[in-house]
Amino acid sequence: MSADPASRGAPASTGRLVRRELHSSRALPSVVVAVLLIAGCLLLLFESVLKAVGDEPFLLDVEEAAAWLGALPGGVPGSLLGAASFLLLVLGALLLLLALLPGRRARYTIPNGRAAVVVDAEVVASSLARRARVAAGVAPEQVLVTVGRSLVTVQIRPTSGVRVDADAVRAAVADDLRRSSVEPGPRITVVVAEAGVIGQ
């Protein structure tokens, strides 16, 4: 689904509001990283001042810490150094992904010239499941619809002995998506289970 503002021709403020609803905020991880960096810098500054005035270190000796870092990897077991390197690599990759990925929420827009319309994926899936159930002629618990960013998957467990027309279900789901004007229209996959359900 597109992150484009739902309302073409709507004010820019509405577009920004829609984008904010479609994407998760990066404020919390940014604040956490900034607080940790500031705390580390303040600790180093405080320890440096203590060292300059001749007092005992509060938490760590700056000169000893610098000498230990300069002597790496000597004096450190290879397994510990490898584990620490791996953890730093994972942390760096997570922070990089948080910075680069859009953080898309499971919400979608519906074009509207007068208002910003944002719906959850569960709402879209529920509507599509009703259309698919009617088209397939099965009970509600025999249909499962999952809505992804660019793919809608409809899973149907047919009633034993009753054939389900997958093309008719796909057409009904496509019609529902067209009526709701969710853009761009996602691909639709209909999966009909081979084993039927008895007594539905």
N, C-alpha and C. Protein backbone atom coordinates (compact mmCIF):
# COMPACT_ATOMS: atom_id res chain seq x y z
N MET A 1 0.84 -1.18 0.00
CA MET A 1 0.00 0.00 0.00
C MET A 1 0.88 1.24 0.00
N SER A 2 0.40 2.31 -0.57
CA SER A 2 1.21 3.51 -0.71
C SER A 2 1.16 4.35 0.54
N ALA A 3 2.28 5.00 0.83
CA ALA A 3 2.32 5.94 1.94
C ALA A 3 1.93 7.33 1.48
N ASP A 4 1.48 7.46 0.28
CA ASP A 4 1.07 8.73 -0.28
C ASP A 4 -0.10 9.26 0.52
N PRO A 5 -0.23 10.56 0.72
CA PRO A 5 -1.38 11.08 1.40
C PRO A 5 -2.65 10.65 0.71
N ALA A 6 -3.67 10.39 1.50
CA ALA A 6 -4.90 9.85 0.94
C ALA A 6 -5.65 10.89 0.14
N SER A 7 -5.52 12.10 0.53
CA SER A 7 -6.35 13.11 -0.09
C SER A 7 -5.56 13.89 -1.12
N ARG A 8 -5.75 13.57 -2.37
CA ARG A 8 -5.09 14.32 -3.43
C ARG A 8 -5.74 15.69 -3.52
N GLY A 9 -4.92 16.69 -3.51
CA GLY A 9 -5.44 18.04 -3.56
C GLY A 9 -5.82 18.58 -2.19
N ALA A 10 -5.63 17.80 -1.13
CA ALA A 10 -5.92 18.27 0.21
C ALA A 10 -4.77 19.14 0.68
N PRO A 11 -4.97 19.93 1.75
CA PRO A 11 -3.89 20.78 2.24
C PRO A 11 -2.67 19.96 2.64
N ALA A 12 -1.49 20.64 2.59
CA ALA A 12 -0.25 19.94 2.93
C ALA A 12 -0.26 19.47 4.37
N SER A 13 -0.92 20.22 5.26
CA SER A 13 -1.00 19.81 6.66
C SER A 13 -1.73 18.49 6.81
N THR A 14 -2.75 18.27 5.97
CA THR A 14 -3.48 17.00 6.00
C THR A 14 -2.58 15.87 5.54
N GLY A 15 -1.78 16.12 4.50
CA GLY A 15 -0.84 15.11 4.02
C GLY A 15 0.18 14.74 5.08
N ARG A 16 0.68 15.75 5.81
CA ARG A 16 1.64 15.47 6.88
C ARG A 16 0.98 14.67 8.00
N LEU A 17 -0.27 14.99 8.30
CA LEU A 17 -1.00 14.27 9.34
C LEU A 17 -1.20 12.81 8.95
N VAL A 18 -1.56 12.57 7.69
CA VAL A 18 -1.74 11.20 7.22
C VAL A 18 -0.42 10.44 7.28
N ARG A 19 0.65 11.07 6.84
CA ARG A 19 1.96 10.40 6.89
C ARG A 19 2.35 10.06 8.31
N ARG A 20 2.05 10.93 9.24
CA ARG A 20 2.36 10.66 10.65
C ARG A 20 1.58 9.46 11.17
N GLU A 21 0.34 9.32 10.69
CA GLU A 21 -0.48 8.18 11.11
C GLU A 21 -0.02 6.87 10.47
N LEU A 22 0.58 6.96 9.28
CA LEU A 22 0.99 5.76 8.57
C LEU A 22 2.36 5.25 9.00
N HIS A 23 3.17 6.10 9.63
CA HIS A 23 4.53 5.71 9.98
C HIS A 23 4.75 5.88 11.48
N SER A 24 5.46 4.91 12.06
CA SER A 24 5.74 4.97 13.49
C SER A 24 6.82 6.02 13.75
N SER A 25 6.72 6.63 14.92
CA SER A 25 7.65 7.70 15.28
C SER A 25 9.02 7.12 15.64
N ARG A 26 10.05 7.85 15.27
CA ARG A 26 11.42 7.48 15.64
C ARG A 26 11.89 8.27 16.86
N ALA A 27 10.98 8.97 17.51
CA ALA A 27 11.37 9.84 18.62
C ALA A 27 11.94 9.05 19.79
N LEU A 28 11.29 7.95 20.18
CA LEU A 28 11.75 7.20 21.36
C LEU A 28 13.15 6.63 21.17
N PRO A 29 13.45 5.89 20.09
CA PRO A 29 14.82 5.41 19.95
C PRO A 29 15.83 6.54 19.82
N SER A 30 15.44 7.64 19.18
CA SER A 30 16.37 8.77 19.05
C SER A 30 16.69 9.36 20.42
N VAL A 31 15.66 9.51 21.25
CA VAL A 31 15.88 10.07 22.59
C VAL A 31 16.73 9.13 23.43
N VAL A 32 16.47 7.83 23.35
CA VAL A 32 17.25 6.86 24.14
C VAL A 32 18.72 6.90 23.75
N VAL A 33 19.00 6.89 22.43
CA VAL A 33 20.39 6.94 21.98
C VAL A 33 21.05 8.25 22.40
N ALA A 34 20.32 9.36 22.25
CA ALA A 34 20.88 10.67 22.62
C ALA A 34 21.18 10.73 24.12
N VAL A 35 20.28 10.22 24.95
CA VAL A 35 20.49 10.24 26.41
C VAL A 35 21.71 9.40 26.77
N LEU A 36 21.85 8.22 26.15
CA LEU A 36 23.00 7.36 26.44
C LEU A 36 24.31 8.04 26.02
N LEU A 37 24.32 8.67 24.86
CA LEU A 37 25.53 9.35 24.41
C LEU A 37 25.87 10.54 25.31
N ILE A 38 24.85 11.31 25.67
CA ILE A 38 25.09 12.46 26.56
C ILE A 38 25.60 12.00 27.91
N ALA A 39 25.00 10.91 28.45
CA ALA A 39 25.44 10.40 29.75
C ALA A 39 26.89 9.93 29.67
N GLY A 40 27.26 9.25 28.57
CA GLY A 40 28.64 8.81 28.42
C GLY A 40 29.61 9.97 28.33
N CYS A 41 29.23 11.00 27.57
CA CYS A 41 30.11 12.18 27.44
C CYS A 41 30.25 12.92 28.77
N LEU A 42 29.15 13.05 29.51
CA LEU A 42 29.21 13.71 30.81
C LEU A 42 30.06 12.93 31.79
N LEU A 43 29.96 11.58 31.74
CA LEU A 43 30.79 10.76 32.62
C LEU A 43 32.27 10.95 32.30
N LEU A 44 32.62 10.95 31.00
CA LEU A 44 34.01 11.16 30.61
C LEU A 44 34.50 12.54 31.03
N LEU A 45 33.63 13.55 30.87
CA LEU A 45 34.00 14.91 31.28
C LEU A 45 34.23 14.98 32.79
N PHE A 46 33.32 14.36 33.53
CA PHE A 46 33.43 14.38 35.00
C PHE A 46 34.70 13.65 35.45
N GLU A 47 34.99 12.51 34.85
CA GLU A 47 36.19 11.76 35.22
C GLU A 47 37.45 12.54 34.83
N SER A 48 37.40 13.23 33.69
CA SER A 48 38.56 14.04 33.28
C SER A 48 38.81 15.18 34.25
N VAL A 49 37.73 15.82 34.71
CA VAL A 49 37.89 16.90 35.69
C VAL A 49 38.46 16.36 36.99
N LEU A 50 37.96 15.21 37.45
CA LEU A 50 38.51 14.60 38.67
C LEU A 50 39.99 14.29 38.50
N LYS A 51 40.36 13.79 37.34
CA LYS A 51 41.76 13.47 37.07
C LYS A 51 42.61 14.73 37.07
N ALA A 52 42.06 15.82 36.49
CA ALA A 52 42.80 17.07 36.39
C ALA A 52 43.06 17.70 37.76
N VAL A 53 42.11 17.56 38.68
CA VAL A 53 42.28 18.16 40.01
C VAL A 53 42.94 17.20 40.98
N GLY A 54 43.26 15.98 40.53
CA GLY A 54 43.99 15.04 41.37
C GLY A 54 43.13 14.18 42.27
N ASP A 55 41.83 14.16 42.08
CA ASP A 55 40.96 13.32 42.90
C ASP A 55 40.90 11.89 42.36
N GLU A 56 40.33 11.00 43.20
CA GLU A 56 40.17 9.61 42.81
C GLU A 56 39.05 9.51 41.76
N PRO A 57 39.16 8.54 40.84
CA PRO A 57 38.10 8.37 39.84
C PRO A 57 36.77 8.00 40.50
N PHE A 58 35.68 8.44 39.88
CA PHE A 58 34.34 8.13 40.39
C PHE A 58 33.90 6.72 39.96
N LEU A 59 33.99 6.44 38.67
CA LEU A 59 33.63 5.12 38.17
C LEU A 59 34.78 4.43 37.44
N LEU A 60 35.51 5.17 36.65
CA LEU A 60 36.62 4.57 35.92
C LEU A 60 37.74 5.58 35.76
N ASP A 61 38.94 5.04 35.68
CA ASP A 61 40.12 5.86 35.45
C ASP A 61 40.25 6.07 33.94
N VAL A 62 40.23 7.33 33.51
CA VAL A 62 40.23 7.65 32.09
C VAL A 62 41.50 7.14 31.42
N GLU A 63 42.66 7.32 32.08
CA GLU A 63 43.92 6.89 31.49
C GLU A 63 43.99 5.36 31.38
N GLU A 64 43.53 4.69 32.42
CA GLU A 64 43.54 3.22 32.38
C GLU A 64 42.58 2.69 31.30
N ALA A 65 41.40 3.33 31.19
CA ALA A 65 40.45 2.91 30.18
C ALA A 65 41.02 3.12 28.77
N ALA A 66 41.69 4.26 28.56
CA ALA A 66 42.29 4.52 27.25
C ALA A 66 43.41 3.52 26.95
N ALA A 67 44.23 3.21 27.97
CA ALA A 67 45.31 2.24 27.77
C ALA A 67 44.74 0.85 27.48
N TRP A 68 43.64 0.48 28.16
CA TRP A 68 43.03 -0.84 27.93
C TRP A 68 42.48 -0.93 26.50
N LEU A 69 41.82 0.16 26.05
CA LEU A 69 41.30 0.17 24.69
C LEU A 69 42.43 0.10 23.66
N GLY A 70 43.52 0.80 23.95
CA GLY A 70 44.66 0.80 23.03
C GLY A 70 45.35 -0.55 22.95
N ALA A 71 45.24 -1.35 24.03
CA ALA A 71 45.91 -2.66 24.06
C ALA A 71 45.06 -3.77 23.45
N LEU A 72 43.80 -3.47 23.11
CA LEU A 72 42.95 -4.51 22.52
C LEU A 72 43.54 -5.00 21.21
N PRO A 73 43.42 -6.26 20.87
CA PRO A 73 42.69 -7.32 21.60
C PRO A 73 43.51 -8.07 22.61
N GLY A 74 44.67 -7.56 22.94
CA GLY A 74 45.51 -8.26 23.92
C GLY A 74 44.87 -8.30 25.30
N GLY A 75 45.02 -9.41 25.97
CA GLY A 75 44.50 -9.55 27.33
C GLY A 75 43.03 -9.86 27.43
N VAL A 76 42.34 -9.99 26.31
CA VAL A 76 40.91 -10.29 26.31
C VAL A 76 40.70 -11.62 25.59
N PRO A 77 39.96 -12.56 26.23
CA PRO A 77 39.70 -13.84 25.57
C PRO A 77 39.00 -13.63 24.23
N GLY A 78 39.38 -14.46 23.25
CA GLY A 78 38.81 -14.32 21.91
C GLY A 78 37.31 -14.49 21.88
N SER A 79 36.78 -15.42 22.71
CA SER A 79 35.33 -15.65 22.73
C SER A 79 34.58 -14.42 23.24
N LEU A 80 35.13 -13.78 24.29
CA LEU A 80 34.49 -12.57 24.82
C LEU A 80 34.55 -11.43 23.83
N LEU A 81 35.69 -11.29 23.18
CA LEU A 81 35.85 -10.22 22.18
C LEU A 81 34.91 -10.46 21.00
N GLY A 82 34.78 -11.72 20.55
CA GLY A 82 33.88 -12.03 19.45
C GLY A 82 32.43 -11.77 19.81
N ALA A 83 32.02 -12.15 21.04
CA ALA A 83 30.64 -11.91 21.48
C ALA A 83 30.34 -10.42 21.56
N ALA A 84 31.28 -9.65 22.11
CA ALA A 84 31.08 -8.21 22.22
C ALA A 84 31.00 -7.56 20.83
N SER A 85 31.85 -8.03 19.91
CA SER A 85 31.82 -7.49 18.55
C SER A 85 30.50 -7.80 17.87
N PHE A 86 30.01 -9.02 18.08
CA PHE A 86 28.73 -9.41 17.48
C PHE A 86 27.59 -8.56 18.03
N LEU A 87 27.57 -8.33 19.34
CA LEU A 87 26.52 -7.50 19.95
C LEU A 87 26.57 -6.07 19.42
N LEU A 88 27.79 -5.53 19.27
CA LEU A 88 27.92 -4.18 18.72
C LEU A 88 27.46 -4.14 17.26
N LEU A 89 27.74 -5.19 16.51
CA LEU A 89 27.30 -5.25 15.12
C LEU A 89 25.77 -5.29 15.04
N VAL A 90 25.13 -6.11 15.89
CA VAL A 90 23.67 -6.19 15.91
C VAL A 90 23.06 -4.85 16.31
N LEU A 91 23.63 -4.21 17.35
CA LEU A 91 23.11 -2.91 17.78
C LEU A 91 23.25 -1.87 16.68
N GLY A 92 24.40 -1.84 16.02
CA GLY A 92 24.60 -0.89 14.92
C GLY A 92 23.64 -1.13 13.77
N ALA A 93 23.40 -2.43 13.44
CA ALA A 93 22.47 -2.75 12.35
C ALA A 93 21.05 -2.33 12.72
N LEU A 94 20.64 -2.55 13.97
CA LEU A 94 19.30 -2.13 14.40
C LEU A 94 19.13 -0.62 14.31
N LEU A 95 20.13 0.12 14.78
CA LEU A 95 20.05 1.57 14.71
C LEU A 95 20.02 2.06 13.26
N LEU A 96 20.80 1.40 12.39
CA LEU A 96 20.81 1.78 10.98
C LEU A 96 19.46 1.50 10.33
N LEU A 97 18.87 0.36 10.64
CA LEU A 97 17.55 0.03 10.09
C LEU A 97 16.49 0.99 10.60
N LEU A 98 16.56 1.35 11.89
CA LEU A 98 15.61 2.32 12.43
C LEU A 98 15.72 3.66 11.71
N ALA A 99 16.94 4.01 11.34
CA ALA A 99 17.15 5.30 10.67
C ALA A 99 16.70 5.28 9.22
N LEU A 100 16.87 4.14 8.53
CA LEU A 100 16.62 4.09 7.09
C LEU A 100 15.24 3.60 6.70
N LEU A 101 14.71 2.62 7.44
CA LEU A 101 13.40 2.06 7.08
C LEU A 101 12.28 3.03 7.41
N PRO A 102 11.20 3.00 6.65
CA PRO A 102 10.12 3.97 6.87
C PRO A 102 9.29 3.72 8.12
N GLY A 103 9.37 2.55 8.71
CA GLY A 103 8.58 2.28 9.92
C GLY A 103 7.10 2.27 9.63
N ARG A 104 6.73 1.59 8.56
CA ARG A 104 5.34 1.58 8.12
C ARG A 104 4.45 0.85 9.12
N ARG A 105 3.36 1.49 9.52
CA ARG A 105 2.36 0.85 10.37
C ARG A 105 1.36 0.08 9.52
N ALA A 106 0.63 -0.81 10.18
CA ALA A 106 -0.39 -1.60 9.46
C ALA A 106 -1.66 -0.75 9.32
N ARG A 107 -1.52 0.36 8.63
CA ARG A 107 -2.63 1.26 8.37
C ARG A 107 -2.58 1.69 6.91
N TYR A 108 -3.74 2.03 6.38
CA TYR A 108 -3.83 2.37 4.96
C TYR A 108 -4.73 3.58 4.78
N THR A 109 -4.53 4.24 3.66
CA THR A 109 -5.29 5.44 3.38
C THR A 109 -6.37 5.17 2.34
N ILE A 110 -7.44 5.95 2.45
CA ILE A 110 -8.51 5.92 1.47
C ILE A 110 -8.65 7.34 0.93
N PRO A 111 -8.50 7.53 -0.37
CA PRO A 111 -8.57 8.88 -0.94
C PRO A 111 -9.89 9.57 -0.60
N ASN A 112 -9.78 10.82 -0.16
CA ASN A 112 -10.96 11.61 0.18
C ASN A 112 -10.58 13.07 0.00
N GLY A 113 -11.36 13.81 -0.73
CA GLY A 113 -11.03 15.20 -1.03
C GLY A 113 -11.23 16.14 0.14
N ARG A 114 -12.00 15.74 1.15
CA ARG A 114 -12.31 16.67 2.24
C ARG A 114 -11.72 16.28 3.59
N ALA A 115 -11.27 15.02 3.73
CA ALA A 115 -10.78 14.58 5.04
C ALA A 115 -9.66 13.57 4.86
N ALA A 116 -8.90 13.38 5.92
CA ALA A 116 -7.85 12.36 5.94
C ALA A 116 -8.46 11.08 6.49
N VAL A 117 -8.49 10.05 5.66
CA VAL A 117 -9.10 8.78 6.07
C VAL A 117 -7.99 7.73 6.18
N VAL A 118 -7.78 7.23 7.40
CA VAL A 118 -6.78 6.21 7.67
C VAL A 118 -7.47 5.05 8.36
N VAL A 119 -7.26 3.83 7.84
CA VAL A 119 -7.90 2.65 8.41
C VAL A 119 -6.84 1.63 8.78
N ASP A 120 -7.12 0.85 9.83
CA ASP A 120 -6.22 -0.23 10.22
C ASP A 120 -6.34 -1.39 9.24
N ALA A 121 -5.28 -2.18 9.16
CA ALA A 121 -5.30 -3.36 8.29
C ALA A 121 -6.37 -4.34 8.72
N GLU A 122 -6.65 -4.41 10.04
CA GLU A 122 -7.68 -5.33 10.53
C GLU A 122 -9.06 -4.96 9.98
N VAL A 123 -9.31 -3.66 9.82
CA VAL A 123 -10.61 -3.22 9.30
C VAL A 123 -10.74 -3.63 7.83
N VAL A 124 -9.66 -3.41 7.06
CA VAL A 124 -9.68 -3.80 5.65
C VAL A 124 -9.84 -5.31 5.53
N ALA A 125 -9.11 -6.06 6.35
CA ALA A 125 -9.19 -7.52 6.30
C ALA A 125 -10.58 -8.02 6.66
N SER A 126 -11.22 -7.38 7.64
CA SER A 126 -12.56 -7.80 8.05
C SER A 126 -13.56 -7.58 6.93
N SER A 127 -13.47 -6.44 6.25
CA SER A 127 -14.37 -6.16 5.14
C SER A 127 -14.17 -7.15 4.00
N LEU A 128 -12.89 -7.43 3.68
CA LEU A 128 -12.61 -8.37 2.60
C LEU A 128 -13.04 -9.79 2.97
N ALA A 129 -12.92 -10.15 4.25
CA ALA A 129 -13.32 -11.49 4.68
C ALA A 129 -14.82 -11.68 4.50
N ARG A 130 -15.61 -10.63 4.77
CA ARG A 130 -17.06 -10.74 4.58
C ARG A 130 -17.40 -10.98 3.11
N ARG A 131 -16.76 -10.21 2.22
CA ARG A 131 -17.03 -10.39 0.78
C ARG A 131 -16.58 -11.77 0.31
N ALA A 132 -15.42 -12.21 0.78
CA ALA A 132 -14.92 -13.52 0.37
C ALA A 132 -15.82 -14.64 0.88
N ARG A 133 -16.33 -14.49 2.11
CA ARG A 133 -17.22 -15.52 2.68
C ARG A 133 -18.50 -15.64 1.88
N VAL A 134 -19.08 -14.49 1.51
CA VAL A 134 -20.32 -14.51 0.73
C VAL A 134 -20.08 -15.11 -0.65
N ALA A 135 -18.97 -14.73 -1.28
CA ALA A 135 -18.67 -15.24 -2.62
C ALA A 135 -18.40 -16.74 -2.61
N ALA A 136 -17.77 -17.22 -1.51
CA ALA A 136 -17.44 -18.64 -1.43
C ALA A 136 -18.58 -19.47 -0.88
N GLY A 137 -19.54 -18.83 -0.22
CA GLY A 137 -20.65 -19.56 0.37
C GLY A 137 -20.25 -20.42 1.55
N VAL A 138 -19.38 -19.88 2.40
CA VAL A 138 -18.91 -20.64 3.56
C VAL A 138 -19.17 -19.84 4.83
N ALA A 139 -18.94 -20.47 5.97
CA ALA A 139 -19.14 -19.81 7.27
C ALA A 139 -17.97 -18.85 7.56
N PRO A 140 -18.19 -17.88 8.45
CA PRO A 140 -17.13 -16.91 8.73
C PRO A 140 -15.83 -17.54 9.20
N GLU A 141 -15.93 -18.62 10.00
CA GLU A 141 -14.70 -19.21 10.53
C GLU A 141 -13.91 -20.00 9.48
N GLN A 142 -14.46 -20.12 8.27
CA GLN A 142 -13.77 -20.85 7.21
C GLN A 142 -12.95 -19.92 6.31
N VAL A 143 -12.95 -18.64 6.62
CA VAL A 143 -12.21 -17.65 5.81
C VAL A 143 -11.22 -16.91 6.68
N LEU A 144 -9.99 -16.81 6.20
CA LEU A 144 -8.96 -16.03 6.87
C LEU A 144 -8.32 -15.11 5.85
N VAL A 145 -8.36 -13.80 6.13
CA VAL A 145 -7.79 -12.81 5.22
C VAL A 145 -6.66 -12.08 5.92
N THR A 146 -5.51 -12.03 5.28
CA THR A 146 -4.39 -11.24 5.80
C THR A 146 -4.06 -10.16 4.78
N VAL A 147 -3.88 -8.95 5.27
CA VAL A 147 -3.60 -7.80 4.41
C VAL A 147 -2.18 -7.34 4.67
N GLY A 148 -1.33 -7.43 3.64
CA GLY A 148 0.03 -6.94 3.74
C GLY A 148 0.18 -5.61 3.02
N ARG A 149 1.41 -5.15 2.90
CA ARG A 149 1.64 -3.85 2.27
C ARG A 149 1.28 -3.87 0.79
N SER A 150 1.51 -5.01 0.12
CA SER A 150 1.21 -5.07 -1.31
C SER A 150 0.51 -6.36 -1.71
N LEU A 151 0.06 -7.13 -0.73
CA LEU A 151 -0.54 -8.43 -1.03
C LEU A 151 -1.68 -8.73 -0.06
N VAL A 152 -2.80 -9.17 -0.62
CA VAL A 152 -3.93 -9.65 0.18
C VAL A 152 -4.03 -11.16 -0.05
N THR A 153 -3.99 -11.91 1.04
CA THR A 153 -4.08 -13.36 0.96
C THR A 153 -5.39 -13.82 1.57
N VAL A 154 -6.19 -14.54 0.79
CA VAL A 154 -7.47 -15.07 1.25
C VAL A 154 -7.34 -16.59 1.33
N GLN A 155 -7.48 -17.12 2.54
CA GLN A 155 -7.40 -18.57 2.75
C GLN A 155 -8.81 -19.08 3.07
N ILE A 156 -9.24 -20.08 2.32
CA ILE A 156 -10.61 -20.59 2.47
C ILE A 156 -10.55 -22.10 2.74
N ARG A 157 -11.28 -22.53 3.75
CA ARG A 157 -11.49 -23.96 3.99
C ARG A 157 -12.91 -24.28 3.53
N PRO A 158 -13.06 -24.92 2.39
CA PRO A 158 -14.41 -25.14 1.85
C PRO A 158 -15.18 -26.17 2.66
N THR A 159 -16.50 -26.12 2.51
CA THR A 159 -17.35 -27.16 3.08
C THR A 159 -17.17 -28.43 2.27
N SER A 160 -17.05 -29.53 2.96
CA SER A 160 -16.80 -30.80 2.28
C SER A 160 -17.88 -31.09 1.25
N GLY A 161 -17.45 -31.35 0.02
CA GLY A 161 -18.37 -31.68 -1.06
C GLY A 161 -18.87 -30.48 -1.83
N VAL A 162 -18.53 -29.28 -1.40
CA VAL A 162 -18.98 -28.06 -2.07
C VAL A 162 -17.76 -27.36 -2.68
N ARG A 163 -17.79 -27.15 -3.98
CA ARG A 163 -16.66 -26.54 -4.68
C ARG A 163 -16.67 -25.03 -4.49
N VAL A 164 -15.49 -24.47 -4.28
CA VAL A 164 -15.34 -23.02 -4.14
C VAL A 164 -14.68 -22.48 -5.40
N ASP A 165 -15.30 -21.46 -5.99
CA ASP A 165 -14.76 -20.83 -7.19
C ASP A 165 -13.77 -19.74 -6.77
N ALA A 166 -12.47 -20.06 -6.87
CA ALA A 166 -11.43 -19.12 -6.44
C ALA A 166 -11.47 -17.84 -7.25
N ASP A 167 -11.80 -17.93 -8.55
CA ASP A 167 -11.85 -16.73 -9.39
C ASP A 167 -12.98 -15.80 -8.95
N ALA A 168 -14.12 -16.36 -8.56
CA ALA A 168 -15.23 -15.54 -8.10
C ALA A 168 -14.87 -14.85 -6.78
N VAL A 169 -14.18 -15.56 -5.91
CA VAL A 169 -13.75 -14.97 -4.64
C VAL A 169 -12.76 -13.84 -4.91
N ARG A 170 -11.81 -14.08 -5.81
CA ARG A 170 -10.83 -13.04 -6.15
C ARG A 170 -11.51 -11.81 -6.73
N ALA A 171 -12.50 -12.02 -7.60
CA ALA A 171 -13.22 -10.89 -8.19
C ALA A 171 -14.00 -10.12 -7.14
N ALA A 172 -14.61 -10.83 -6.17
CA ALA A 172 -15.37 -10.15 -5.12
C ALA A 172 -14.44 -9.33 -4.23
N VAL A 173 -13.30 -9.89 -3.89
CA VAL A 173 -12.33 -9.16 -3.06
C VAL A 173 -11.79 -7.94 -3.81
N ALA A 174 -11.50 -8.11 -5.11
CA ALA A 174 -11.01 -6.99 -5.92
C ALA A 174 -12.07 -5.90 -6.01
N ASP A 175 -13.34 -6.28 -6.13
CA ASP A 175 -14.41 -5.30 -6.19
C ASP A 175 -14.52 -4.53 -4.88
N ASP A 176 -14.37 -5.23 -3.76
CA ASP A 176 -14.43 -4.55 -2.46
C ASP A 176 -13.29 -3.56 -2.31
N LEU A 177 -12.10 -3.97 -2.74
CA LEU A 177 -10.96 -3.05 -2.68
C LEU A 177 -11.18 -1.84 -3.59
N ARG A 178 -11.77 -2.08 -4.76
CA ARG A 178 -12.03 -0.99 -5.70
C ARG A 178 -13.05 -0.02 -5.11
N ARG A 179 -14.06 -0.54 -4.44
CA ARG A 179 -15.09 0.32 -3.83
C ARG A 179 -14.53 1.16 -2.69
N SER A 180 -13.62 0.56 -1.92
CA SER A 180 -13.03 1.30 -0.81
C SER A 180 -11.95 2.26 -1.26
N SER A 181 -11.51 2.14 -2.53
CA SER A 181 -10.52 3.04 -3.14
C SER A 181 -9.17 3.01 -2.45
N VAL A 182 -8.81 1.86 -1.86
CA VAL A 182 -7.48 1.72 -1.28
C VAL A 182 -6.49 1.66 -2.44
N GLU A 183 -5.52 2.58 -2.42
CA GLU A 183 -4.59 2.68 -3.54
C GLU A 183 -3.15 2.58 -3.05
N PRO A 184 -2.24 1.99 -3.87
CA PRO A 184 -2.57 1.26 -5.09
C PRO A 184 -3.15 -0.10 -4.74
N GLY A 185 -3.96 -0.64 -5.63
CA GLY A 185 -4.60 -1.91 -5.36
C GLY A 185 -3.58 -3.03 -5.17
N PRO A 186 -3.63 -3.74 -4.05
CA PRO A 186 -2.66 -4.82 -3.82
C PRO A 186 -2.98 -6.05 -4.66
N ARG A 187 -1.99 -6.90 -4.82
CA ARG A 187 -2.23 -8.18 -5.47
C ARG A 187 -3.08 -9.05 -4.57
N ILE A 188 -3.89 -9.88 -5.15
CA ILE A 188 -4.81 -10.73 -4.40
C ILE A 188 -4.49 -12.19 -4.67
N THR A 189 -4.29 -12.95 -3.62
CA THR A 189 -4.04 -14.38 -3.73
C THR A 189 -5.13 -15.13 -2.97
N VAL A 190 -5.76 -16.08 -3.64
CA VAL A 190 -6.81 -16.90 -3.02
C VAL A 190 -6.29 -18.32 -2.91
N VAL A 191 -6.28 -18.85 -1.70
CA VAL A 191 -5.81 -20.21 -1.43
C VAL A 191 -6.98 -21.02 -0.89
N VAL A 192 -7.37 -22.03 -1.64
CA VAL A 192 -8.46 -22.91 -1.23
C VAL A 192 -7.87 -24.21 -0.71
N ALA A 193 -8.15 -24.53 0.54
CA ALA A 193 -7.60 -25.74 1.14
C ALA A 193 -8.13 -26.97 0.44
N GLU A 194 -7.29 -27.99 0.36
CA GLU A 194 -7.71 -29.24 -0.30
C GLU A 194 -8.69 -30.03 0.57
N ALA A 195 -8.49 -29.98 1.87
CA ALA A 195 -9.37 -30.72 2.78
C ALA A 195 -10.57 -29.86 3.15
N GLY A 196 -11.78 -30.39 2.99
CA GLY A 196 -12.98 -29.64 3.32
C GLY A 196 -13.34 -29.75 4.78
N VAL A 197 -14.27 -28.91 5.21
CA VAL A 197 -14.75 -28.89 6.59
C VAL A 197 -16.11 -29.55 6.63
N ILE A 198 -16.31 -30.45 7.56
CA ILE A 198 -17.58 -31.17 7.67
C ILE A 198 -18.50 -30.46 8.63
N GLY A 199 -19.76 -30.36 8.25
CA GLY A 199 -20.78 -29.83 9.16
C GLY A 199 -20.89 -28.35 9.20
N GLN A 200 -20.31 -27.63 8.25
CA GLN A 200 -20.42 -26.18 8.21
C GLN A 200 -21.54 -25.76 7.29
